[in-house]
Amino acid sequence: MGFLKPSPRWGVLIGIGLPAFLLGIVLFVFDSQGKEIQRTALAGIAALSAIPNLFFFFWALRKNQDTMAYGILLGSILWALFTFGVKLFG
């Protein structure tokens, strides 16, 4: 039951929450300017919003927090599946 420990939970939260937050900011900025995002561009923006996960992944590895790094990696994989779904069905 290692996944229930706080460290991997924070990793998954960072891995999914940070890209979702950045995607929300981008959508808010485009909405406030009155512009629309094409569906094909949305998948690219969603994929690019996951780039800051690299910083947190390598930071966790450098601090020897392997379980947190595994959580960030799991969150990044889930975000990649979300991006694939947006690209496939959007």
PDB file of N, CA and C in Angstrom:
ATOM      1  N   MET A   1       0.817  -1.179   0.000  1.00  0.00           N
ATOM      2  CA  MET A   1       0.000   0.000   0.000  1.00  0.00           C
ATOM      3  C   MET A   1       0.872   1.258   0.000  1.00  0.00           C
ATOM      4  N   GLY A   2       1.959   1.237  -0.754  1.00  0.00           N
ATOM      5  CA  GLY A   2       2.869   2.368  -0.772  1.00  0.00           C
ATOM      6  C   GLY A   2       2.304   3.600  -1.434  1.00  0.00           C
ATOM      7  N   PHE A   3       1.280   3.436  -2.276  1.00  0.00           N
ATOM      8  CA  PHE A   3       0.734   4.590  -2.974  1.00  0.00           C
ATOM      9  C   PHE A   3      -0.056   5.501  -2.047  1.00  0.00           C
ATOM     10  N   LEU A   4      -0.483   4.983  -0.908  1.00  0.00           N
ATOM     11  CA  LEU A   4      -1.260   5.782   0.022  1.00  0.00           C
ATOM     12  C   LEU A   4      -0.393   6.685   0.878  1.00  0.00           C
ATOM     13  N   LYS A   5       0.913   6.549   0.782  1.00  0.00           N
ATOM     14  CA  LYS A   5       1.806   7.411   1.547  1.00  0.00           C
ATOM     15  C   LYS A   5       1.793   8.810   0.939  1.00  0.00           C
ATOM     16  N   PRO A   6       2.119   9.824   1.714  1.00  0.00           N
ATOM     17  CA  PRO A   6       2.003  11.201   1.219  1.00  0.00           C
ATOM     18  C   PRO A   6       2.932  11.554   0.057  1.00  0.00           C
ATOM     19  N   SER A   7       4.117  10.996   0.001  1.00  0.00           N
ATOM     20  CA  SER A   7       5.069  11.405  -1.023  1.00  0.00           C
ATOM     21  C   SER A   7       4.609  11.086  -2.445  1.00  0.00           C
ATOM     22  N   PRO A   8       4.182   9.849  -2.754  1.00  0.00           N
ATOM     23  CA  PRO A   8       3.695   9.625  -4.114  1.00  0.00           C
ATOM     24  C   PRO A   8       2.394  10.357  -4.411  1.00  0.00           C
ATOM     25  N   ARG A   9       1.593  10.575  -3.371  1.00  0.00           N
ATOM     26  CA  ARG A   9       0.357  11.323  -3.568  1.00  0.00           C
ATOM     27  C   ARG A   9       0.651  12.749  -4.006  1.00  0.00           C
ATOM     28  N   TRP A  10       1.635  13.375  -3.383  1.00  0.00           N
ATOM     29  CA  TRP A  10       2.032  14.725  -3.799  1.00  0.00           C
ATOM     30  C   TRP A  10       2.599  14.705  -5.205  1.00  0.00           C
ATOM     31  N   GLY A  11       3.312  13.647  -5.543  1.00  0.00           N
ATOM     32  CA  GLY A  11       3.863  13.537  -6.887  1.00  0.00           C
ATOM     33  C   GLY A  11       2.781  13.465  -7.949  1.00  0.00           C
ATOM     34  N   VAL A  12       1.756  12.659  -7.706  1.00  0.00           N
ATOM     35  CA  VAL A  12       0.651  12.560  -8.665  1.00  0.00           C
ATOM     36  C   VAL A  12      -0.114  13.876  -8.722  1.00  0.00           C
ATOM     37  N   LEU A  13      -0.282  14.508  -7.568  1.00  0.00           N
ATOM     38  CA  LEU A  13      -0.969  15.800  -7.541  1.00  0.00           C
ATOM     39  C   LEU A  13      -0.212  16.839  -8.355  1.00  0.00           C
ATOM     40  N   ILE A  14       1.099  16.862  -8.234  1.00  0.00           N
ATOM     41  CA  ILE A  14       1.910  17.782  -9.036  1.00  0.00           C
ATOM     42  C   ILE A  14       1.860  17.390 -10.503  1.00  0.00           C
ATOM     43  N   GLY A  15       1.959  16.091 -10.776  1.00  0.00           N
ATOM     44  CA  GLY A  15       1.998  15.606 -12.157  1.00  0.00           C
ATOM     45  C   GLY A  15       0.728  15.870 -12.938  1.00  0.00           C
ATOM     46  N   ILE A  16      -0.410  15.907 -12.271  1.00  0.00           N
ATOM     47  CA  ILE A  16      -1.673  16.170 -12.950  1.00  0.00           C
ATOM     48  C   ILE A  16      -2.129  17.609 -12.718  1.00  0.00           C
ATOM     49  N   GLY A  17      -1.955  18.094 -11.505  1.00  0.00           N
ATOM     50  CA  GLY A  17      -2.478  19.416 -11.153  1.00  0.00           C
ATOM     51  C   GLY A  17      -1.764  20.571 -11.811  1.00  0.00           C
ATOM     52  N   LEU A  18      -0.456  20.502 -11.928  1.00  0.00           N
ATOM     53  CA  LEU A  18       0.292  21.608 -12.526  1.00  0.00           C
ATOM     54  C   LEU A  18      -0.053  21.806 -13.997  1.00  0.00           C
ATOM     55  N   PRO A  19      -0.067  20.754 -14.829  1.00  0.00           N
ATOM     56  CA  PRO A  19      -0.482  20.975 -16.222  1.00  0.00           C
ATOM     57  C   PRO A  19      -1.933  21.425 -16.353  1.00  0.00           C
ATOM     58  N   ALA A  20      -2.811  20.903 -15.492  1.00  0.00           N
ATOM     59  CA  ALA A  20      -4.208  21.328 -15.547  1.00  0.00           C
ATOM     60  C   ALA A  20      -4.330  22.805 -15.186  1.00  0.00           C
ATOM     61  N   PHE A  21      -3.567  23.252 -14.204  1.00  0.00           N
ATOM     62  CA  PHE A  21      -3.571  24.652 -13.813  1.00  0.00           C
ATOM     63  C   PHE A  21      -3.061  25.537 -14.949  1.00  0.00           C
ATOM     64  N   LEU A  22      -1.961  25.133 -15.586  1.00  0.00           N
ATOM     65  CA  LEU A  22      -1.412  25.912 -16.691  1.00  0.00           C
ATOM     66  C   LEU A  22      -2.364  25.932 -17.890  1.00  0.00           C
ATOM     67  N   LEU A  23      -3.013  24.810 -18.174  1.00  0.00           N
ATOM     68  CA  LEU A  23      -3.991  24.773 -19.258  1.00  0.00           C
ATOM     69  C   LEU A  23      -5.173  25.681 -18.940  1.00  0.00           C
ATOM     70  N   GLY A  24      -5.592  25.703 -17.698  1.00  0.00           N
ATOM     71  CA  GLY A  24      -6.673  26.604 -17.283  1.00  0.00           C
ATOM     72  C   GLY A  24      -6.299  28.060 -17.455  1.00  0.00           C
ATOM     73  N   ILE A  25      -5.064  28.418 -17.125  1.00  0.00           N
ATOM     74  CA  ILE A  25      -4.615  29.798 -17.306  1.00  0.00           C
ATOM     75  C   ILE A  25      -4.618  30.167 -18.781  1.00  0.00           C
ATOM     76  N   VAL A  26      -4.126  29.274 -19.636  1.00  0.00           N
ATOM     77  CA  VAL A  26      -4.100  29.546 -21.077  1.00  0.00           C
ATOM     78  C   VAL A  26      -5.511  29.713 -21.620  1.00  0.00           C
ATOM     79  N   LEU A  27      -6.424  28.842 -21.214  1.00  0.00           N
ATOM     80  CA  LEU A  27      -7.800  28.951 -21.670  1.00  0.00           C
ATOM     81  C   LEU A  27      -8.449  30.233 -21.172  1.00  0.00           C
ATOM     82  N   PHE A  28      -8.139  30.635 -19.946  1.00  0.00           N
ATOM     83  CA  PHE A  28      -8.678  31.884 -19.402  1.00  0.00           C
ATOM     84  C   PHE A  28      -8.155  33.093 -20.169  1.00  0.00           C
ATOM     85  N   VAL A  29      -6.873  33.087 -20.488  1.00  0.00           N
ATOM     86  CA  VAL A  29      -6.289  34.211 -21.231  1.00  0.00           C
ATOM     87  C   VAL A  29      -6.914  34.322 -22.622  1.00  0.00           C
ATOM     88  N   PHE A  30      -7.054  33.183 -23.292  1.00  0.00           N
ATOM     89  CA  PHE A  30      -7.670  33.213 -24.621  1.00  0.00           C
ATOM     90  C   PHE A  30      -9.128  33.645 -24.541  1.00  0.00           C
ATOM     91  N   ASP A  31      -9.842  33.215 -23.499  1.00  0.00           N
ATOM     92  CA  ASP A  31     -11.240  33.584 -23.350  1.00  0.00           C
ATOM     93  C   ASP A  31     -11.386  35.070 -23.033  1.00  0.00           C
ATOM     94  N   SER A  32     -10.494  35.593 -22.208  1.00  0.00           N
ATOM     95  CA  SER A  32     -10.586  37.014 -21.861  1.00  0.00           C
ATOM     96  C   SER A  32     -10.241  37.913 -23.046  1.00  0.00           C
ATOM     97  N   GLN A  33      -9.472  37.412 -23.999  1.00  0.00           N
ATOM     98  CA  GLN A  33      -9.151  38.183 -25.199  1.00  0.00           C
ATOM     99  C   GLN A  33     -10.202  38.003 -26.287  1.00  0.00           C
ATOM    100  N   GLY A  34     -11.158  37.136 -26.075  1.00  0.00           N
ATOM    101  CA  GLY A  34     -12.206  36.903 -27.053  1.00  0.00           C
ATOM    102  C   GLY A  34     -11.786  36.018 -28.211  1.00  0.00           C
ATOM    103  N   LYS A  35     -10.698  35.299 -28.053  1.00  0.00           N
ATOM    104  CA  LYS A  35     -10.215  34.405 -29.103  1.00  0.00           C
ATOM    105  C   LYS A  35     -10.667  32.983 -28.809  1.00  0.00           C
ATOM    106  N   GLU A  36     -10.785  32.197 -29.835  1.00  0.00           N
ATOM    107  CA  GLU A  36     -11.138  30.791 -29.679  1.00  0.00           C
ATOM    108  C   GLU A  36      -9.937  29.923 -30.028  1.00  0.00           C
ATOM    109  N   ILE A  37      -9.803  28.820 -29.314  1.00  0.00           N
ATOM    110  CA  ILE A  37      -8.726  27.876 -29.585  1.00  0.00           C
ATOM    111  C   ILE A  37      -9.295  26.764 -30.461  1.00  0.00           C
ATOM    112  N   GLN A  38      -8.604  26.465 -31.535  1.00  0.00           N
ATOM    113  CA  GLN A  38      -9.042  25.371 -32.385  1.00  0.00           C
ATOM    114  C   GLN A  38      -8.812  24.050 -31.660  1.00  0.00           C
ATOM    115  N   ARG A  39      -9.596  23.067 -32.000  1.00  0.00           N
ATOM    116  CA  ARG A  39      -9.485  21.770 -31.319  1.00  0.00           C
ATOM    117  C   ARG A  39      -8.139  21.106 -31.577  1.00  0.00           C
ATOM    118  N   THR A  40      -7.578  21.336 -32.744  1.00  0.00           N
ATOM    119  CA  THR A  40      -6.275  20.727 -33.037  1.00  0.00           C
ATOM    120  C   THR A  40      -5.170  21.371 -32.206  1.00  0.00           C
ATOM    121  N   ALA A  41      -5.311  22.646 -31.915  1.00  0.00           N
ATOM    122  CA  ALA A  41      -4.300  23.343 -31.120  1.00  0.00           C
ATOM    123  C   ALA A  41      -4.424  23.017 -29.639  1.00  0.00           C
ATOM    124  N   LEU A  42      -5.604  22.620 -29.192  1.00  0.00           N
ATOM    125  CA  LEU A  42      -5.805  22.336 -27.773  1.00  0.00           C
ATOM    126  C   LEU A  42      -4.946  21.172 -27.303  1.00  0.00           C
ATOM    127  N   ALA A  43      -4.807  20.145 -28.134  1.00  0.00           N
ATOM    128  CA  ALA A  43      -3.969  19.007 -27.751  1.00  0.00           C
ATOM    129  C   ALA A  43      -2.508  19.418 -27.648  1.00  0.00           C
ATOM    130  N   GLY A  44      -2.050  20.278 -28.530  1.00  0.00           N
ATOM    131  CA  GLY A  44      -0.670  20.755 -28.455  1.00  0.00           C
ATOM    132  C   GLY A  44      -0.423  21.597 -27.223  1.00  0.00           C
ATOM    133  N   ILE A  45      -1.375  22.452 -26.895  1.00  0.00           N
ATOM    134  CA  ILE A  45      -1.236  23.279 -25.696  1.00  0.00           C
ATOM    135  C   ILE A  45      -1.259  22.406 -24.447  1.00  0.00           C
ATOM    136  N   ALA A  46      -2.109  21.385 -24.442  1.00  0.00           N
ATOM    137  CA  ALA A  46      -2.165  20.470 -23.292  1.00  0.00           C
ATOM    138  C   ALA A  46      -0.859  19.701 -23.138  1.00  0.00           C
ATOM    139  N   ALA A  47      -0.247  19.324 -24.259  1.00  0.00           N
ATOM    140  CA  ALA A  47       1.026  18.606 -24.187  1.00  0.00           C
ATOM    141  C   ALA A  47       2.149  19.513 -23.699  1.00  0.00           C
ATOM    142  N   LEU A  48       2.156  20.753 -24.152  1.00  0.00           N
ATOM    143  CA  LEU A  48       3.203  21.684 -23.724  1.00  0.00           C
ATOM    144  C   LEU A  48       3.057  22.098 -22.266  1.00  0.00           C
ATOM    145  N   SER A  49       1.852  22.035 -21.740  1.00  0.00           N
ATOM    146  CA  SER A  49       1.667  22.427 -20.344  1.00  0.00           C
ATOM    147  C   SER A  49       2.259  21.404 -19.374  1.00  0.00           C
ATOM    148  N   ALA A  50       2.639  20.235 -19.862  1.00  0.00           N
ATOM    149  CA  ALA A  50       3.246  19.215 -19.001  1.00  0.00           C
ATOM    150  C   ALA A  50       4.757  19.353 -18.896  1.00  0.00           C
ATOM    151  N   ILE A  51       5.356  20.284 -19.619  1.00  0.00           N
ATOM    152  CA  ILE A  51       6.810  20.446 -19.590  1.00  0.00           C
ATOM    153  C   ILE A  51       7.353  20.799 -18.196  1.00  0.00           C
ATOM    154  N   PRO A  52       6.669  21.644 -17.406  1.00  0.00           N
ATOM    155  CA  PRO A  52       7.215  21.913 -16.059  1.00  0.00           C
ATOM    156  C   PRO A  52       7.315  20.682 -15.166  1.00  0.00           C
ATOM    157  N   ASN A  53       6.639  19.594 -15.514  1.00  0.00           N
ATOM    158  CA  ASN A  53       6.784  18.353 -14.738  1.00  0.00           C
ATOM    159  C   ASN A  53       8.215  17.833 -14.779  1.00  0.00           C
ATOM    160  N   LEU A  54       8.928  18.116 -15.856  1.00  0.00           N
ATOM    161  CA  LEU A  54      10.334  17.694 -15.937  1.00  0.00           C
ATOM    162  C   LEU A  54      11.156  18.311 -14.812  1.00  0.00           C
ATOM    163  N   PHE A  55      10.935  19.589 -14.556  1.00  0.00           N
ATOM    164  CA  PHE A  55      11.665  20.272 -13.487  1.00  0.00           C
ATOM    165  C   PHE A  55      11.410  19.595 -12.142  1.00  0.00           C
ATOM    166  N   PHE A  56      10.147  19.341 -11.842  1.00  0.00           N
ATOM    167  CA  PHE A  56       9.821  18.727 -10.555  1.00  0.00           C
ATOM    168  C   PHE A  56      10.275  17.273 -10.474  1.00  0.00           C
ATOM    169  N   PHE A  57      10.256  16.554 -11.594  1.00  0.00           N
ATOM    170  CA  PHE A  57      10.720  15.163 -11.619  1.00  0.00           C
ATOM    171  C   PHE A  57      12.206  15.089 -11.297  1.00  0.00           C
ATOM    172  N   PHE A  58      13.016  15.893 -11.986  1.00  0.00           N
ATOM    173  CA  PHE A  58      14.453  15.853 -11.737  1.00  0.00           C
ATOM    174  C   PHE A  58      14.815  16.457 -10.387  1.00  0.00           C
ATOM    175  N   TRP A  59      14.022  17.412  -9.907  1.00  0.00           N
ATOM    176  CA  TRP A  59      14.243  17.960  -8.571  1.00  0.00           C
ATOM    177  C   TRP A  59      14.023  16.872  -7.519  1.00  0.00           C
ATOM    178  N   ALA A  60      12.954  16.082  -7.690  1.00  0.00           N
ATOM    179  CA  ALA A  60      12.669  15.010  -6.734  1.00  0.00           C
ATOM    180  C   ALA A  60      13.758  13.941  -6.780  1.00  0.00           C
ATOM    181  N   LEU A  61      14.266  13.624  -7.971  1.00  0.00           N
ATOM    182  CA  LEU A  61      15.357  12.650  -8.052  1.00  0.00           C
ATOM    183  C   LEU A  61      16.626  13.182  -7.394  1.00  0.00           C
ATOM    184  N   ARG A  62      16.898  14.462  -7.576  1.00  0.00           N
ATOM    185  CA  ARG A  62      18.102  15.047  -6.988  1.00  0.00           C
ATOM    186  C   ARG A  62      18.040  15.063  -5.460  1.00  0.00           C
ATOM    187  N   LYS A  63      16.826  15.232  -4.912  1.00  0.00           N
ATOM    188  CA  LYS A  63      16.645  15.242  -3.458  1.00  0.00           C
ATOM    189  C   LYS A  63      16.440  13.837  -2.895  1.00  0.00           C
ATOM    190  N   ASN A  64      16.638  12.808  -3.732  1.00  0.00           N
ATOM    191  CA  ASN A  64      16.497  11.401  -3.336  1.00  0.00           C
ATOM    192  C   ASN A  64      15.090  11.078  -2.835  1.00  0.00           C
ATOM    193  N   GLN A  65      14.096  11.684  -3.438  1.00  0.00           N
ATOM    194  CA  GLN A  65      12.699  11.386  -3.138  1.00  0.00           C
ATOM    195  C   GLN A  65      12.142  10.570  -4.307  1.00  0.00           C
ATOM    196  N   ASP A  66      12.558   9.317  -4.350  1.00  0.00           N
ATOM    197  CA  ASP A  66      12.202   8.460  -5.479  1.00  0.00           C
ATOM    198  C   ASP A  66      10.703   8.233  -5.584  1.00  0.00           C
ATOM    199  N   THR A  67      10.025   8.057  -4.448  1.00  0.00           N
ATOM    200  CA  THR A  67       8.590   7.792  -4.519  1.00  0.00           C
ATOM    201  C   THR A  67       7.827   9.007  -5.042  1.00  0.00           C
ATOM    202  N   MET A  68       8.273  10.202  -4.709  1.00  0.00           N
ATOM    203  CA  MET A  68       7.641  11.401  -5.252  1.00  0.00           C
ATOM    204  C   MET A  68       7.899  11.500  -6.758  1.00  0.00           C
ATOM    205  N   ALA A  69       9.110  11.134  -7.183  1.00  0.00           N
ATOM    206  CA  ALA A  69       9.427  11.145  -8.615  1.00  0.00           C
ATOM    207  C   ALA A  69       8.572  10.132  -9.358  1.00  0.00           C
ATOM    208  N   TYR A  70       8.312   8.956  -8.742  1.00  0.00           N
ATOM    209  CA  TYR A  70       7.436   7.970  -9.371  1.00  0.00           C
ATOM    210  C   TYR A  70       6.012   8.520  -9.502  1.00  0.00           C
ATOM    211  N   GLY A  71       5.567   9.246  -8.500  1.00  0.00           N
ATOM    212  CA  GLY A  71       4.237   9.848  -8.557  1.00  0.00           C
ATOM    213  C   GLY A  71       4.134  10.893  -9.653  1.00  0.00           C
ATOM    214  N   ILE A  72       5.177  11.712  -9.801  1.00  0.00           N
ATOM    215  CA  ILE A  72       5.194  12.719 -10.863  1.00  0.00           C
ATOM    216  C   ILE A  72       5.203  12.038 -12.217  1.00  0.00           C
ATOM    217  N   LEU A  73       5.957  10.965 -12.335  1.00  0.00           N
ATOM    218  CA  LEU A  73       5.992  10.218 -13.587  1.00  0.00           C
ATOM    219  C   LEU A  73       4.624   9.604 -13.893  1.00  0.00           C
ATOM    220  N   LEU A  74       3.951   9.064 -12.895  1.00  0.00           N
ATOM    221  CA  LEU A  74       2.619   8.513 -13.089  1.00  0.00           C
ATOM    222  C   LEU A  74       1.640   9.604 -13.506  1.00  0.00           C
ATOM    223  N   GLY A  75       1.714  10.760 -12.870  1.00  0.00           N
ATOM    224  CA  GLY A  75       0.857  11.877 -13.248  1.00  0.00           C
ATOM    225  C   GLY A  75       1.129  12.344 -14.663  1.00  0.00           C
ATOM    226  N   SER A  76       2.386  12.344 -15.068  1.00  0.00           N
ATOM    227  CA  SER A  76       2.727  12.742 -16.434  1.00  0.00           C
ATOM    228  C   SER A  76       2.201  11.735 -17.451  1.00  0.00           C
ATOM    229  N   ILE A  77       2.242  10.460 -17.106  1.00  0.00           N
ATOM    230  CA  ILE A  77       1.703   9.441 -18.009  1.00  0.00           C
ATOM    231  C   ILE A  77       0.192   9.594 -18.128  1.00  0.00           C
ATOM    232  N   LEU A  78      -0.490   9.852 -17.010  1.00  0.00           N
ATOM    233  CA  LEU A  78      -1.932  10.075 -17.066  1.00  0.00           C
ATOM    234  C   LEU A  78      -2.269  11.324 -17.877  1.00  0.00           C
ATOM    235  N   TRP A  79      -1.457  12.374 -17.743  1.00  0.00           N
ATOM    236  CA  TRP A  79      -1.674  13.587 -18.527  1.00  0.00           C
ATOM    237  C   TRP A  79      -1.428  13.319 -20.009  1.00  0.00           C
ATOM    238  N   ALA A  80      -0.462  12.482 -20.337  1.00  0.00           N
ATOM    239  CA  ALA A  80      -0.220  12.121 -21.734  1.00  0.00           C
ATOM    240  C   ALA A  80      -1.403  11.345 -22.299  1.00  0.00           C
ATOM    241  N   LEU A  81      -1.999  10.471 -21.507  1.00  0.00           N
ATOM    242  CA  LEU A  81      -3.192   9.759 -21.960  1.00  0.00           C
ATOM    243  C   LEU A  81      -4.356  10.714 -22.177  1.00  0.00           C
ATOM    244  N   PHE A  82      -4.490  11.710 -21.304  1.00  0.00           N
ATOM    245  CA  PHE A  82      -5.516  12.737 -21.478  1.00  0.00           C
ATOM    246  C   PHE A  82      -5.287  13.510 -22.774  1.00  0.00           C
ATOM    247  N   THR A  83      -4.040  13.882 -23.027  1.00  0.00           N
ATOM    248  CA  THR A  83      -3.708  14.610 -24.252  1.00  0.00           C
ATOM    249  C   THR A  83      -4.001  13.759 -25.475  1.00  0.00           C
ATOM    250  N   PHE A  84      -3.680  12.482 -25.404  1.00  0.00           N
ATOM    251  CA  PHE A  84      -3.970  11.565 -26.507  1.00  0.00           C
ATOM    252  C   PHE A  84      -5.478  11.464 -26.748  1.00  0.00           C
ATOM    253  N   GLY A  85      -6.243  11.428 -25.666  1.00  0.00           N
ATOM    254  CA  GLY A  85      -7.705  11.385 -25.802  1.00  0.00           C
ATOM    255  C   GLY A  85      -8.255  12.645 -26.434  1.00  0.00           C
ATOM    256  N   VAL A  86      -7.710  13.802 -26.051  1.00  0.00           N
ATOM    257  CA  VAL A  86      -8.146  15.065 -26.655  1.00  0.00           C
ATOM    258  C   VAL A  86      -7.801  15.079 -28.134  1.00  0.00           C
ATOM    259  N   LYS A  87      -6.628  14.591 -28.473  1.00  0.00           N
ATOM    260  CA  LYS A  87      -6.208  14.557 -29.874  1.00  0.00           C
ATOM    261  C   LYS A  87      -7.041  13.562 -30.672  1.00  0.00           C
ATOM    262  N   LEU A  88      -7.350  12.425 -30.084  1.00  0.00           N
ATOM    263  CA  LEU A  88      -8.076  11.386 -30.796  1.00  0.00           C
ATOM    264  C   LEU A  88      -9.554  11.719 -30.958  1.00  0.00           C
ATOM    265  N   PHE A  89     -10.180  12.196 -29.896  1.00  0.00           N
ATOM    266  CA  PHE A  89     -11.622  12.432 -29.929  1.00  0.00           C
ATOM    267  C   PHE A  89     -11.999  13.893 -30.159  1.00  0.00           C
ATOM    268  N   GLY A  90     -11.042  14.790 -30.074  1.00  0.00           N
ATOM    269  CA  GLY A  90     -11.359  16.216 -30.194  1.00  0.00           C
ATOM    270  C   GLY A  90     -11.251  16.737 -31.512  1.00  0.00           C
TER     271      GLY A  90
END
